[in-house]
């Protein structure tokens, strides 16, 4: 299909995927866009106007990564797994798929950390956690819908930061770290029951989520 025949929704992931090897050196910049367009055979003039900012490039990358993760999970036989195992598989799949482009992910986090991009960081983190839960078969529509995604978002963030500096063979250390963080999720389900109906003297939801986000290794 010719570039001019592609919709933006089709063009962006194709271009982002081709950009990834170049982002490690050029960052999320027009230079990486131009190099990716050349590799993918995309009209450079069209590529140049596909993203209005580095934040838009990162948003497109995360959307692509969410879609790739979901596709992989849909082909796996996760129906036979327990919910805990499904979430563990989702976290491992997401990070394992990103392994060839670790530096691009690091640079993406740097873009999202800019004050102007913090709302986008929250939005994309929620979408990733929501994609994981939907892949795991979650259908909650009550308070649990939100707490599950908040908790998993905190866990994923912690795992992502750990993974960035993991040089163990086949990511074994990250996989073990994920298992420990999933233990936190299971404890949180118990914690919610204690939290409901408690006053100021009860457990603190904010403190608990903070420990998930910045855990002791």
N, C-alpha and C. Protein backbone atom coordinates (compact mmCIF):
# COMPACT_ATOMS: atom_id res chain seq x y z
N UNK A 1 0.85 -1.20 0.00
CA UNK A 1 0.00 0.00 0.00
C UNK A 1 0.88 1.24 0.00
N UNK A 2 0.54 2.20 -0.84
CA UNK A 2 1.30 3.44 -0.91
C UNK A 2 1.08 4.27 0.36
N UNK A 3 2.13 5.03 0.72
CA UNK A 3 2.05 5.84 1.93
C UNK A 3 0.84 6.74 1.94
N UNK A 4 0.58 7.35 0.80
CA UNK A 4 -0.53 8.31 0.73
C UNK A 4 -1.88 7.65 0.92
N UNK A 5 -1.94 6.32 0.81
CA UNK A 5 -3.19 5.61 0.99
C UNK A 5 -3.44 5.19 2.43
N UNK A 6 -2.42 5.36 3.28
CA UNK A 6 -2.54 4.96 4.68
C UNK A 6 -3.26 6.03 5.49
N UNK A 7 -4.07 5.60 6.46
CA UNK A 7 -4.63 6.54 7.42
C UNK A 7 -3.56 6.85 8.46
N UNK A 8 -3.76 7.90 9.23
CA UNK A 8 -2.80 8.22 10.29
C UNK A 8 -2.68 7.07 11.29
N UNK A 9 -3.80 6.41 11.59
CA UNK A 9 -3.76 5.30 12.53
C UNK A 9 -2.94 4.14 12.00
N UNK A 10 -2.85 4.01 10.69
CA UNK A 10 -2.02 2.97 10.08
C UNK A 10 -0.58 3.42 9.91
N UNK A 11 -0.40 4.69 9.62
CA UNK A 11 0.94 5.22 9.36
C UNK A 11 1.78 5.34 10.62
N UNK A 12 1.18 5.81 11.69
CA UNK A 12 1.96 6.09 12.91
C UNK A 12 2.68 4.86 13.46
N UNK A 13 1.99 3.72 13.68
CA UNK A 13 2.72 2.56 14.20
C UNK A 13 3.78 2.05 13.23
N UNK A 14 3.49 2.12 11.95
CA UNK A 14 4.48 1.67 10.96
C UNK A 14 5.73 2.54 11.02
N UNK A 15 5.54 3.84 11.14
CA UNK A 15 6.67 4.75 11.21
C UNK A 15 7.41 4.63 12.54
N UNK A 16 6.67 4.54 13.62
CA UNK A 16 7.30 4.41 14.95
C UNK A 16 8.14 3.15 15.02
N UNK A 17 7.63 2.06 14.49
CA UNK A 17 8.38 0.80 14.54
C UNK A 17 9.71 0.94 13.80
N UNK A 18 9.69 1.64 12.67
CA UNK A 18 10.92 1.84 11.90
C UNK A 18 11.85 2.84 12.58
N UNK A 19 11.29 3.73 13.40
CA UNK A 19 12.10 4.73 14.09
C UNK A 19 12.90 4.15 15.25
N UNK A 20 12.42 3.11 15.87
CA UNK A 20 12.97 2.65 17.15
C UNK A 20 14.49 2.45 17.16
N UNK A 21 15.08 1.81 16.15
CA UNK A 21 16.54 1.65 16.19
C UNK A 21 17.28 2.99 16.17
N UNK A 22 16.66 4.01 15.61
CA UNK A 22 17.30 5.32 15.50
C UNK A 22 17.08 6.18 16.73
N UNK A 23 16.00 5.93 17.45
CA UNK A 23 15.71 6.71 18.65
C UNK A 23 16.79 6.54 19.70
N UNK A 24 17.40 5.36 19.74
CA UNK A 24 18.46 5.12 20.71
C UNK A 24 19.61 6.12 20.55
N UNK A 25 19.81 6.61 19.33
CA UNK A 25 20.92 7.54 19.06
C UNK A 25 20.43 8.98 18.88
N UNK A 26 19.29 9.14 18.24
CA UNK A 26 18.80 10.48 17.91
C UNK A 26 17.71 11.00 18.84
N UNK A 27 17.20 10.12 19.72
CA UNK A 27 16.09 10.52 20.57
C UNK A 27 14.79 10.57 19.78
N UNK A 28 13.73 11.02 20.44
CA UNK A 28 12.43 11.16 19.77
C UNK A 28 12.42 12.51 19.06
N UNK A 29 13.06 12.54 17.91
CA UNK A 29 13.33 13.78 17.18
C UNK A 29 12.98 13.64 15.71
N UNK A 30 12.93 14.76 15.00
CA UNK A 30 12.73 14.70 13.54
C UNK A 30 13.79 13.87 12.83
N UNK A 31 15.00 13.84 13.36
CA UNK A 31 16.06 13.02 12.73
C UNK A 31 15.69 11.55 12.76
N UNK A 32 15.13 11.09 13.88
CA UNK A 32 14.71 9.69 13.98
C UNK A 32 13.53 9.42 13.05
N UNK A 33 12.64 10.40 12.93
CA UNK A 33 11.50 10.27 12.01
C UNK A 33 12.00 10.11 10.59
N UNK A 34 12.94 10.95 10.18
CA UNK A 34 13.46 10.90 8.81
C UNK A 34 14.15 9.58 8.54
N UNK A 35 14.95 9.11 9.50
CA UNK A 35 15.67 7.84 9.32
C UNK A 35 14.69 6.67 9.26
N UNK A 36 13.68 6.69 10.12
CA UNK A 36 12.68 5.62 10.11
C UNK A 36 11.89 5.61 8.82
N UNK A 37 11.54 6.79 8.33
CA UNK A 37 10.80 6.89 7.06
C UNK A 37 11.60 6.30 5.92
N UNK A 38 12.91 6.57 5.90
CA UNK A 38 13.77 6.04 4.85
C UNK A 38 13.80 4.51 4.91
N UNK A 39 13.92 3.97 6.11
CA UNK A 39 13.97 2.51 6.28
C UNK A 39 12.65 1.85 5.87
N UNK A 40 11.53 2.52 6.17
CA UNK A 40 10.22 1.91 5.93
C UNK A 40 9.65 2.25 4.56
N UNK A 41 10.37 3.06 3.79
CA UNK A 41 9.87 3.44 2.48
C UNK A 41 8.68 4.37 2.55
N UNK A 42 8.65 5.21 3.58
CA UNK A 42 7.56 6.17 3.75
C UNK A 42 7.98 7.52 3.18
N UNK A 43 7.10 8.16 2.48
CA UNK A 43 7.37 9.47 1.92
C UNK A 43 7.87 10.41 3.01
N UNK A 44 9.08 10.94 2.89
CA UNK A 44 9.64 11.78 3.96
C UNK A 44 8.82 13.03 4.25
N UNK A 45 8.17 13.57 3.24
CA UNK A 45 7.35 14.77 3.47
C UNK A 45 6.12 14.43 4.32
N UNK A 46 5.56 13.25 4.07
CA UNK A 46 4.42 12.83 4.89
C UNK A 46 4.88 12.49 6.29
N UNK A 47 6.01 11.80 6.40
CA UNK A 47 6.54 11.43 7.71
C UNK A 47 6.82 12.67 8.56
N UNK A 48 7.30 13.73 7.93
CA UNK A 48 7.68 14.94 8.66
C UNK A 48 6.50 15.62 9.33
N UNK A 49 5.29 15.37 8.84
CA UNK A 49 4.12 16.02 9.44
C UNK A 49 3.22 15.03 10.18
N UNK A 50 3.73 13.82 10.40
CA UNK A 50 2.93 12.80 11.07
C UNK A 50 2.82 13.05 12.57
N UNK A 51 3.89 13.56 13.16
CA UNK A 51 3.90 13.84 14.60
C UNK A 51 4.18 15.32 14.83
N UNK A 52 3.39 15.93 15.71
CA UNK A 52 3.59 17.35 15.95
C UNK A 52 4.61 17.63 17.04
N UNK A 53 5.04 16.58 17.76
CA UNK A 53 5.97 16.80 18.87
C UNK A 53 6.59 15.48 19.30
N UNK A 54 7.68 15.52 20.08
CA UNK A 54 8.22 14.28 20.65
C UNK A 54 7.20 13.54 21.50
N UNK A 55 6.38 14.29 22.23
CA UNK A 55 5.35 13.64 23.05
C UNK A 55 4.38 12.84 22.19
N UNK A 56 4.04 13.35 21.01
CA UNK A 56 3.14 12.63 20.11
C UNK A 56 3.81 11.35 19.60
N UNK A 57 5.11 11.41 19.37
CA UNK A 57 5.85 10.21 18.95
C UNK A 57 5.80 9.15 20.04
N UNK A 58 6.04 9.59 21.29
CA UNK A 58 6.04 8.64 22.41
C UNK A 58 4.64 8.06 22.63
N UNK A 59 3.62 8.89 22.49
CA UNK A 59 2.26 8.40 22.64
C UNK A 59 1.95 7.33 21.59
N UNK A 60 2.40 7.55 20.36
CA UNK A 60 2.18 6.57 19.30
C UNK A 60 2.96 5.29 19.58
N UNK A 61 4.17 5.44 20.13
CA UNK A 61 4.97 4.25 20.46
C UNK A 61 4.26 3.41 21.53
N UNK A 62 3.77 4.05 22.58
CA UNK A 62 3.12 3.31 23.66
C UNK A 62 1.84 2.64 23.16
N UNK A 63 1.09 3.32 22.31
CA UNK A 63 -0.11 2.71 21.73
C UNK A 63 0.26 1.48 20.91
N UNK A 64 1.34 1.57 20.15
CA UNK A 64 1.81 0.44 19.36
C UNK A 64 2.24 -0.71 20.27
N UNK A 65 2.97 -0.38 21.33
CA UNK A 65 3.44 -1.41 22.26
C UNK A 65 2.27 -2.08 22.97
N UNK A 66 1.25 -1.30 23.34
CA UNK A 66 0.05 -1.89 23.95
C UNK A 66 -0.61 -2.86 22.99
N UNK A 67 -0.71 -2.46 21.71
CA UNK A 67 -1.35 -3.31 20.71
C UNK A 67 -0.54 -4.59 20.47
N UNK A 68 0.78 -4.46 20.44
CA UNK A 68 1.63 -5.64 20.25
C UNK A 68 1.48 -6.61 21.42
N UNK A 69 1.46 -6.06 22.63
CA UNK A 69 1.29 -6.90 23.82
C UNK A 69 -0.05 -7.62 23.79
N UNK A 70 -1.11 -6.89 23.45
CA UNK A 70 -2.44 -7.48 23.41
C UNK A 70 -2.51 -8.59 22.36
N UNK A 71 -1.89 -8.36 21.21
CA UNK A 71 -1.89 -9.38 20.16
C UNK A 71 -1.20 -10.65 20.63
N UNK A 72 -0.08 -10.49 21.32
CA UNK A 72 0.66 -11.65 21.82
C UNK A 72 -0.16 -12.41 22.86
N UNK A 73 -0.82 -11.68 23.74
CA UNK A 73 -1.61 -12.33 24.78
C UNK A 73 -2.84 -13.02 24.21
N UNK A 74 -3.39 -12.47 23.15
CA UNK A 74 -4.57 -13.09 22.54
C UNK A 74 -4.24 -14.41 21.86
N UNK A 75 -2.98 -14.58 21.47
CA UNK A 75 -2.57 -15.84 20.85
C UNK A 75 -2.10 -16.86 21.88
N UNK A 76 -1.90 -16.42 23.10
CA UNK A 76 -1.48 -17.33 24.18
C UNK A 76 -2.73 -17.96 24.79
N UNK A 77 -2.54 -19.10 25.39
CA UNK A 77 -3.67 -19.81 26.01
C UNK A 77 -3.83 -19.35 27.45
N UNK A 78 -4.22 -18.07 27.62
CA UNK A 78 -4.28 -17.54 28.96
C UNK A 78 -5.58 -17.89 29.69
N UNK A 79 -6.54 -18.42 28.94
CA UNK A 79 -7.81 -18.79 29.57
C UNK A 79 -7.64 -19.84 30.65
N UNK A 80 -6.60 -20.66 30.52
CA UNK A 80 -6.37 -21.72 31.50
C UNK A 80 -5.58 -21.23 32.71
N UNK A 81 -5.13 -19.98 32.67
CA UNK A 81 -4.31 -19.44 33.75
C UNK A 81 -5.15 -18.75 34.80
N UNK A 82 -4.63 -18.71 36.02
CA UNK A 82 -5.25 -17.92 37.07
C UNK A 82 -5.04 -16.43 36.76
N UNK A 83 -5.85 -15.57 37.35
CA UNK A 83 -5.74 -14.14 37.08
C UNK A 83 -4.35 -13.64 37.41
N UNK A 84 -3.81 -14.05 38.52
CA UNK A 84 -2.45 -13.65 38.90
C UNK A 84 -1.45 -14.01 37.82
N UNK A 85 -1.59 -15.21 37.25
CA UNK A 85 -0.67 -15.67 36.21
C UNK A 85 -0.87 -14.89 34.92
N UNK A 86 -2.10 -14.49 34.63
CA UNK A 86 -2.37 -13.71 33.42
C UNK A 86 -1.70 -12.34 33.51
N UNK A 87 -1.81 -11.69 34.65
CA UNK A 87 -1.20 -10.37 34.83
C UNK A 87 0.32 -10.48 34.80
N UNK A 88 0.86 -11.53 35.41
CA UNK A 88 2.30 -11.75 35.37
C UNK A 88 2.77 -11.92 33.93
N UNK A 89 2.04 -12.70 33.15
CA UNK A 89 2.38 -12.91 31.75
C UNK A 89 2.31 -11.60 30.97
N UNK A 90 1.30 -10.78 31.25
CA UNK A 90 1.16 -9.50 30.56
C UNK A 90 2.37 -8.60 30.83
N UNK A 91 2.78 -8.52 32.09
CA UNK A 91 3.93 -7.69 32.44
C UNK A 91 5.21 -8.21 31.78
N UNK A 92 5.40 -9.51 31.83
CA UNK A 92 6.60 -10.09 31.21
C UNK A 92 6.58 -9.87 29.70
N UNK A 93 5.43 -10.07 29.09
CA UNK A 93 5.33 -9.91 27.64
C UNK A 93 5.66 -8.48 27.24
N UNK A 94 5.10 -7.53 27.96
CA UNK A 94 5.33 -6.12 27.61
C UNK A 94 6.82 -5.77 27.66
N UNK A 95 7.49 -6.18 28.71
CA UNK A 95 8.90 -5.83 28.87
C UNK A 95 9.80 -6.66 27.95
N UNK A 96 9.45 -7.92 27.75
CA UNK A 96 10.25 -8.75 26.85
C UNK A 96 10.17 -8.23 25.42
N UNK A 97 9.00 -7.77 25.00
CA UNK A 97 8.86 -7.22 23.65
C UNK A 97 9.67 -5.93 23.48
N UNK A 98 9.82 -5.18 24.57
CA UNK A 98 10.55 -3.91 24.50
C UNK A 98 12.05 -4.08 24.60
N UNK A 99 12.51 -5.28 24.95
CA UNK A 99 13.93 -5.50 25.23
C UNK A 99 14.88 -5.05 24.11
N UNK A 100 14.54 -5.26 22.83
CA UNK A 100 15.48 -4.82 21.79
C UNK A 100 15.62 -3.31 21.69
N UNK A 101 14.73 -2.57 22.35
CA UNK A 101 14.72 -1.11 22.21
C UNK A 101 14.70 -0.43 23.58
N UNK A 102 15.52 -0.96 24.47
CA UNK A 102 15.55 -0.45 25.85
C UNK A 102 15.90 1.03 25.91
N UNK A 103 16.87 1.46 25.09
CA UNK A 103 17.27 2.86 25.14
C UNK A 103 16.17 3.78 24.62
N UNK A 104 15.42 3.31 23.64
CA UNK A 104 14.28 4.10 23.15
C UNK A 104 13.24 4.27 24.24
N UNK A 105 13.02 3.22 25.02
CA UNK A 105 12.07 3.31 26.14
C UNK A 105 12.59 4.29 27.18
N UNK A 106 13.89 4.23 27.48
CA UNK A 106 14.46 5.16 28.44
C UNK A 106 14.26 6.61 27.99
N UNK A 107 14.47 6.84 26.72
CA UNK A 107 14.29 8.20 26.19
C UNK A 107 12.81 8.59 26.18
N UNK A 108 11.93 7.62 25.99
CA UNK A 108 10.50 7.91 26.05
C UNK A 108 10.10 8.36 27.45
N UNK A 109 10.65 7.70 28.46
CA UNK A 109 10.34 8.08 29.84
C UNK A 109 10.86 9.48 30.14
N UNK A 110 12.00 9.84 29.55
CA UNK A 110 12.53 11.19 29.75
C UNK A 110 11.58 12.23 29.17
N UNK A 111 10.99 11.91 28.02
CA UNK A 111 10.02 12.84 27.41
C UNK A 111 8.79 12.97 28.30
N UNK A 112 8.30 11.84 28.79
CA UNK A 112 7.09 11.85 29.62
C UNK A 112 7.31 12.52 30.97
N UNK A 113 8.56 12.58 31.41
CA UNK A 113 8.86 13.18 32.71
C UNK A 113 8.86 14.70 32.68
N UNK A 114 8.83 15.29 31.49
CA UNK A 114 8.77 16.75 31.40
C UNK A 114 7.44 17.24 31.97
N UNK A 115 7.46 18.33 32.72
CA UNK A 115 6.22 18.81 33.38
C UNK A 115 5.03 18.92 32.43
N UNK A 116 5.26 19.41 31.23
CA UNK A 116 4.14 19.60 30.29
C UNK A 116 3.54 18.27 29.84
N UNK A 117 4.30 17.19 30.00
CA UNK A 117 3.84 15.89 29.50
C UNK A 117 3.32 14.96 30.59
N UNK A 118 3.24 15.44 31.83
CA UNK A 118 2.79 14.58 32.91
C UNK A 118 1.35 14.09 32.71
N UNK A 119 0.44 14.92 32.19
CA UNK A 119 -0.91 14.37 31.92
C UNK A 119 -0.87 13.22 30.91
N UNK A 120 0.00 13.34 29.90
CA UNK A 120 0.13 12.26 28.92
C UNK A 120 0.72 11.02 29.57
N UNK A 121 1.67 11.20 30.47
CA UNK A 121 2.26 10.06 31.17
C UNK A 121 1.19 9.30 31.94
N UNK A 122 0.32 10.03 32.63
CA UNK A 122 -0.76 9.40 33.38
C UNK A 122 -1.74 8.69 32.45
N UNK A 123 -2.05 9.35 31.34
CA UNK A 123 -3.00 8.78 30.38
C UNK A 123 -2.48 7.48 29.78
N UNK A 124 -1.22 7.47 29.36
CA UNK A 124 -0.66 6.28 28.72
C UNK A 124 -0.46 5.15 29.72
N UNK A 125 -0.09 5.49 30.96
CA UNK A 125 0.06 4.46 31.98
C UNK A 125 -1.28 3.79 32.27
N UNK A 126 -2.32 4.60 32.36
CA UNK A 126 -3.66 4.04 32.57
C UNK A 126 -4.05 3.12 31.42
N UNK A 127 -3.77 3.55 30.19
CA UNK A 127 -4.15 2.74 29.03
C UNK A 127 -3.41 1.41 29.03
N UNK A 128 -2.13 1.42 29.39
CA UNK A 128 -1.36 0.17 29.43
C UNK A 128 -1.93 -0.76 30.49
N UNK A 129 -2.20 -0.24 31.69
CA UNK A 129 -2.76 -1.07 32.76
C UNK A 129 -4.14 -1.59 32.37
N UNK A 130 -4.93 -0.75 31.73
CA UNK A 130 -6.27 -1.16 31.29
C UNK A 130 -6.18 -2.27 30.24
N UNK A 131 -5.22 -2.14 29.32
CA UNK A 131 -5.04 -3.17 28.29
C UNK A 131 -4.66 -4.51 28.92
N UNK A 132 -3.79 -4.46 29.92
CA UNK A 132 -3.40 -5.69 30.62
C UNK A 132 -4.58 -6.35 31.31
N UNK A 133 -5.38 -5.54 32.00
CA UNK A 133 -6.53 -6.10 32.72
C UNK A 133 -7.57 -6.64 31.76
N UNK A 134 -7.80 -5.93 30.65
CA UNK A 134 -8.78 -6.43 29.69
C UNK A 134 -8.30 -7.74 29.07
N UNK A 135 -7.01 -7.82 28.79
CA UNK A 135 -6.46 -9.07 28.26
C UNK A 135 -6.60 -10.21 29.26
N UNK A 136 -6.56 -9.85 30.53
CA UNK A 136 -6.68 -10.86 31.59
C UNK A 136 -8.14 -11.26 31.83
N UNK A 137 -9.06 -10.59 31.13
CA UNK A 137 -10.46 -10.95 31.24
C UNK A 137 -11.24 -10.16 32.28
N UNK A 138 -10.67 -9.07 32.76
CA UNK A 138 -11.36 -8.28 33.78
C UNK A 138 -12.57 -7.56 33.18
N UNK A 139 -13.70 -7.66 33.86
CA UNK A 139 -14.92 -7.00 33.39
C UNK A 139 -15.52 -6.10 34.47
N UNK A 140 -14.75 -5.80 35.50
CA UNK A 140 -15.27 -4.99 36.61
C UNK A 140 -15.67 -3.60 36.11
N UNK A 141 -16.77 -3.09 36.60
CA UNK A 141 -17.23 -1.75 36.24
C UNK A 141 -17.46 -0.89 37.48
N UNK A 142 -17.22 -1.45 38.65
CA UNK A 142 -17.44 -0.70 39.89
C UNK A 142 -16.12 -0.10 40.37
N UNK A 143 -16.01 0.17 41.64
CA UNK A 143 -14.80 0.74 42.23
C UNK A 143 -13.57 -0.09 41.91
N UNK A 144 -13.75 -1.41 41.82
CA UNK A 144 -12.62 -2.30 41.53
C UNK A 144 -11.98 -1.99 40.18
N UNK A 145 -12.78 -1.53 39.22
CA UNK A 145 -12.24 -1.20 37.90
C UNK A 145 -11.11 -0.19 38.03
N UNK A 146 -11.28 0.79 38.88
CA UNK A 146 -10.30 1.86 39.03
C UNK A 146 -9.13 1.45 39.93
N UNK A 147 -9.43 0.78 41.03
CA UNK A 147 -8.35 0.40 41.94
C UNK A 147 -7.41 -0.63 41.30
N UNK A 148 -7.98 -1.52 40.52
CA UNK A 148 -7.14 -2.52 39.84
C UNK A 148 -6.15 -1.85 38.90
N UNK A 149 -6.61 -0.86 38.17
CA UNK A 149 -5.74 -0.18 37.19
C UNK A 149 -4.74 0.74 37.88
N UNK A 150 -5.16 1.38 38.96
CA UNK A 150 -4.23 2.20 39.74
C UNK A 150 -3.10 1.34 40.29
N UNK A 151 -3.47 0.20 40.86
CA UNK A 151 -2.47 -0.67 41.47
C UNK A 151 -1.54 -1.26 40.42
N UNK A 152 -2.11 -1.77 39.33
CA UNK A 152 -1.28 -2.36 38.29
C UNK A 152 -0.40 -1.30 37.63
N UNK A 153 -0.89 -0.08 37.48
CA UNK A 153 -0.07 0.99 36.93
C UNK A 153 1.15 1.25 37.80
N UNK A 154 0.94 1.24 39.13
CA UNK A 154 2.07 1.43 40.05
C UNK A 154 3.05 0.27 39.94
N UNK A 155 2.52 -0.94 39.85
CA UNK A 155 3.39 -2.12 39.73
C UNK A 155 4.17 -2.09 38.42
N UNK A 156 3.49 -1.79 37.33
CA UNK A 156 4.16 -1.73 36.02
C UNK A 156 5.25 -0.67 36.02
N UNK A 157 4.98 0.48 36.61
CA UNK A 157 5.99 1.55 36.66
C UNK A 157 7.23 1.08 37.40
N UNK A 158 7.04 0.42 38.53
CA UNK A 158 8.17 -0.08 39.30
C UNK A 158 8.96 -1.12 38.50
N UNK A 159 8.24 -2.02 37.84
CA UNK A 159 8.90 -3.06 37.04
C UNK A 159 9.65 -2.46 35.86
N UNK A 160 9.07 -1.44 35.25
CA UNK A 160 9.70 -0.80 34.11
C UNK A 160 11.02 -0.15 34.51
N UNK A 161 11.02 0.56 35.62
CA UNK A 161 12.25 1.21 36.09
C UNK A 161 13.31 0.18 36.46
N UNK A 162 12.89 -0.92 37.07
CA UNK A 162 13.84 -1.98 37.40
C UNK A 162 14.42 -2.61 36.14
N UNK A 163 13.55 -2.86 35.18
CA UNK A 163 13.94 -3.51 33.92
C UNK A 163 14.96 -2.68 33.15
N UNK A 164 14.87 -1.37 33.21
CA UNK A 164 15.77 -0.52 32.45
C UNK A 164 17.23 -0.78 32.77
N UNK A 165 17.53 -1.16 33.99
CA UNK A 165 18.92 -1.39 34.40
C UNK A 165 19.22 -2.86 34.66
N UNK A 166 18.34 -3.74 34.21
CA UNK A 166 18.54 -5.17 34.43
C UNK A 166 19.42 -5.74 33.33
N UNK A 167 20.58 -6.27 33.72
CA UNK A 167 21.48 -6.90 32.74
C UNK A 167 21.59 -8.41 32.96
N UNK A 168 20.60 -8.97 33.67
CA UNK A 168 20.62 -10.41 33.91
C UNK A 168 20.27 -11.16 32.64
N UNK A 169 20.64 -12.45 32.60
CA UNK A 169 20.40 -13.26 31.41
C UNK A 169 18.90 -13.48 31.19
N UNK A 170 18.43 -13.14 29.99
CA UNK A 170 17.03 -13.32 29.61
C UNK A 170 16.06 -12.59 30.54
N UNK A 171 16.55 -11.53 31.19
CA UNK A 171 15.67 -10.76 32.06
C UNK A 171 15.21 -11.51 33.29
N UNK A 172 16.00 -12.47 33.73
CA UNK A 172 15.58 -13.31 34.87
C UNK A 172 15.33 -12.48 36.12
N UNK A 173 16.18 -11.48 36.35
CA UNK A 173 16.01 -10.64 37.55
C UNK A 173 14.71 -9.84 37.48
N UNK A 174 14.38 -9.36 36.30
CA UNK A 174 13.12 -8.61 36.14
C UNK A 174 11.93 -9.53 36.35
N UNK A 175 11.99 -10.74 35.84
CA UNK A 175 10.89 -11.68 36.03
C UNK A 175 10.67 -11.96 37.52
N UNK A 176 11.77 -12.12 38.26
CA UNK A 176 11.64 -12.34 39.70
C UNK A 176 11.08 -11.11 40.39
N UNK A 177 11.49 -9.93 39.92
CA UNK A 177 10.98 -8.67 40.49
C UNK A 177 9.48 -8.56 40.23
N UNK A 178 9.05 -8.93 39.03
CA UNK A 178 7.62 -8.90 38.70
C UNK A 178 6.84 -9.80 39.66
N UNK A 179 7.37 -10.99 39.92
CA UNK A 179 6.68 -11.92 40.82
C UNK A 179 6.50 -11.30 42.20
N UNK A 180 7.52 -10.59 42.66
CA UNK A 180 7.41 -9.95 43.98
C UNK A 180 6.38 -8.83 43.97
N UNK A 181 6.33 -8.09 42.88
CA UNK A 181 5.37 -6.99 42.80
C UNK A 181 3.94 -7.53 42.66
N UNK A 182 3.78 -8.64 41.99
CA UNK A 182 2.44 -9.23 41.89
C UNK A 182 1.96 -9.67 43.28
N UNK A 183 2.89 -10.08 44.12
CA UNK A 183 2.52 -10.36 45.50
C UNK A 183 1.89 -9.12 46.14
N UNK A 184 2.41 -7.94 45.79
CA UNK A 184 1.85 -6.69 46.29
C UNK A 184 0.40 -6.53 45.84
N UNK A 185 0.14 -6.88 44.57
CA UNK A 185 -1.22 -6.77 44.05
C UNK A 185 -2.16 -7.67 44.84
N UNK A 186 -1.74 -8.87 45.11
CA UNK A 186 -2.58 -9.79 45.85
C UNK A 186 -2.83 -9.27 47.27
N UNK A 187 -1.80 -8.69 47.88
CA UNK A 187 -1.98 -8.12 49.21
C UNK A 187 -2.93 -6.93 49.16
N UNK A 188 -2.88 -6.18 48.04
CA UNK A 188 -3.75 -5.01 47.92
C UNK A 188 -5.21 -5.41 47.91
N UNK A 189 -5.52 -6.53 47.26
CA UNK A 189 -6.90 -6.99 47.25
C UNK A 189 -7.39 -7.22 48.69
N UNK A 190 -6.51 -7.76 49.52
CA UNK A 190 -6.85 -7.96 50.93
C UNK A 190 -6.92 -6.61 51.64
N UNK A 191 -6.01 -5.72 51.28
CA UNK A 191 -5.93 -4.40 51.91
C UNK A 191 -7.21 -3.60 51.65
N UNK A 192 -7.78 -3.72 50.47
CA UNK A 192 -8.99 -2.95 50.15
C UNK A 192 -10.12 -3.28 51.11
N UNK A 193 -10.21 -4.54 51.49
CA UNK A 193 -11.25 -4.92 52.42
C UNK A 193 -11.05 -4.27 53.78
N UNK A 194 -9.79 -4.10 54.17
CA UNK A 194 -9.49 -3.45 55.43
C UNK A 194 -9.68 -1.94 55.33
N UNK A 195 -9.43 -1.40 54.15
CA UNK A 195 -9.47 0.04 53.94
C UNK A 195 -10.90 0.58 53.99
N UNK A 196 -11.82 -0.16 53.44
CA UNK A 196 -13.21 0.30 53.36
C UNK A 196 -13.78 0.48 54.77
N UNK A 197 -14.39 1.60 54.96
CA UNK A 197 -15.06 1.85 56.22
C UNK A 197 -14.16 2.25 57.35
N UNK A 198 -12.85 2.43 57.08
CA UNK A 198 -11.93 2.83 58.13
C UNK A 198 -11.75 4.33 58.13
N UNK A 199 -11.50 4.90 59.25
CA UNK A 199 -11.32 6.34 59.38
C UNK A 199 -9.88 6.72 59.18
N UNK A 200 -9.51 7.90 59.73
CA UNK A 200 -8.15 8.42 59.54
C UNK A 200 -7.12 7.53 60.20
N UNK A 201 -7.54 6.78 61.20
CA UNK A 201 -6.58 5.92 61.88
C UNK A 201 -6.30 4.64 61.14
N UNK A 202 -7.02 4.39 60.05
CA UNK A 202 -6.86 3.17 59.29
C UNK A 202 -5.69 3.22 58.35
N UNK A 203 -5.49 2.17 57.55
CA UNK A 203 -4.37 2.14 56.61
C UNK A 203 -4.49 3.21 55.56
N UNK A 204 -3.36 3.68 55.07
CA UNK A 204 -3.33 4.77 54.08
C UNK A 204 -3.19 4.20 52.68
N UNK A 205 -4.17 4.47 51.82
CA UNK A 205 -4.12 4.03 50.44
C UNK A 205 -2.95 4.68 49.72
N UNK A 206 -2.72 5.98 49.97
CA UNK A 206 -1.63 6.68 49.29
C UNK A 206 -0.29 6.09 49.66
N UNK A 207 -0.10 5.78 50.96
CA UNK A 207 1.20 5.21 51.37
C UNK A 207 1.39 3.83 50.74
N UNK A 208 0.31 3.06 50.69
CA UNK A 208 0.43 1.71 50.12
C UNK A 208 0.80 1.77 48.65
N UNK A 209 0.12 2.64 47.87
CA UNK A 209 0.44 2.77 46.46
C UNK A 209 1.84 3.30 46.26
N UNK A 210 2.29 4.15 47.17
CA UNK A 210 3.65 4.66 47.08
C UNK A 210 4.68 3.56 47.23
N UNK A 211 4.39 2.60 48.10
CA UNK A 211 5.33 1.48 48.25
C UNK A 211 5.34 0.60 47.00
N UNK A 212 4.22 0.52 46.29
CA UNK A 212 4.20 -0.23 45.04
C UNK A 212 5.01 0.48 43.97
N UNK A 213 4.92 1.81 43.96
CA UNK A 213 5.60 2.60 42.92
C UNK A 213 7.10 2.65 43.17
N UNK A 214 7.51 2.75 44.44
CA UNK A 214 8.93 2.84 44.77
C UNK A 214 9.26 1.78 45.81
N UNK A 215 9.24 0.52 45.43
CA UNK A 215 9.42 -0.56 46.40
C UNK A 215 10.88 -0.78 46.73
N UNK A 216 11.09 -1.45 47.86
CA UNK A 216 12.42 -1.95 48.15
C UNK A 216 12.65 -3.17 47.29
N UNK A 217 13.82 -3.26 46.66
CA UNK A 217 14.11 -4.38 45.78
C UNK A 217 14.21 -5.66 46.57
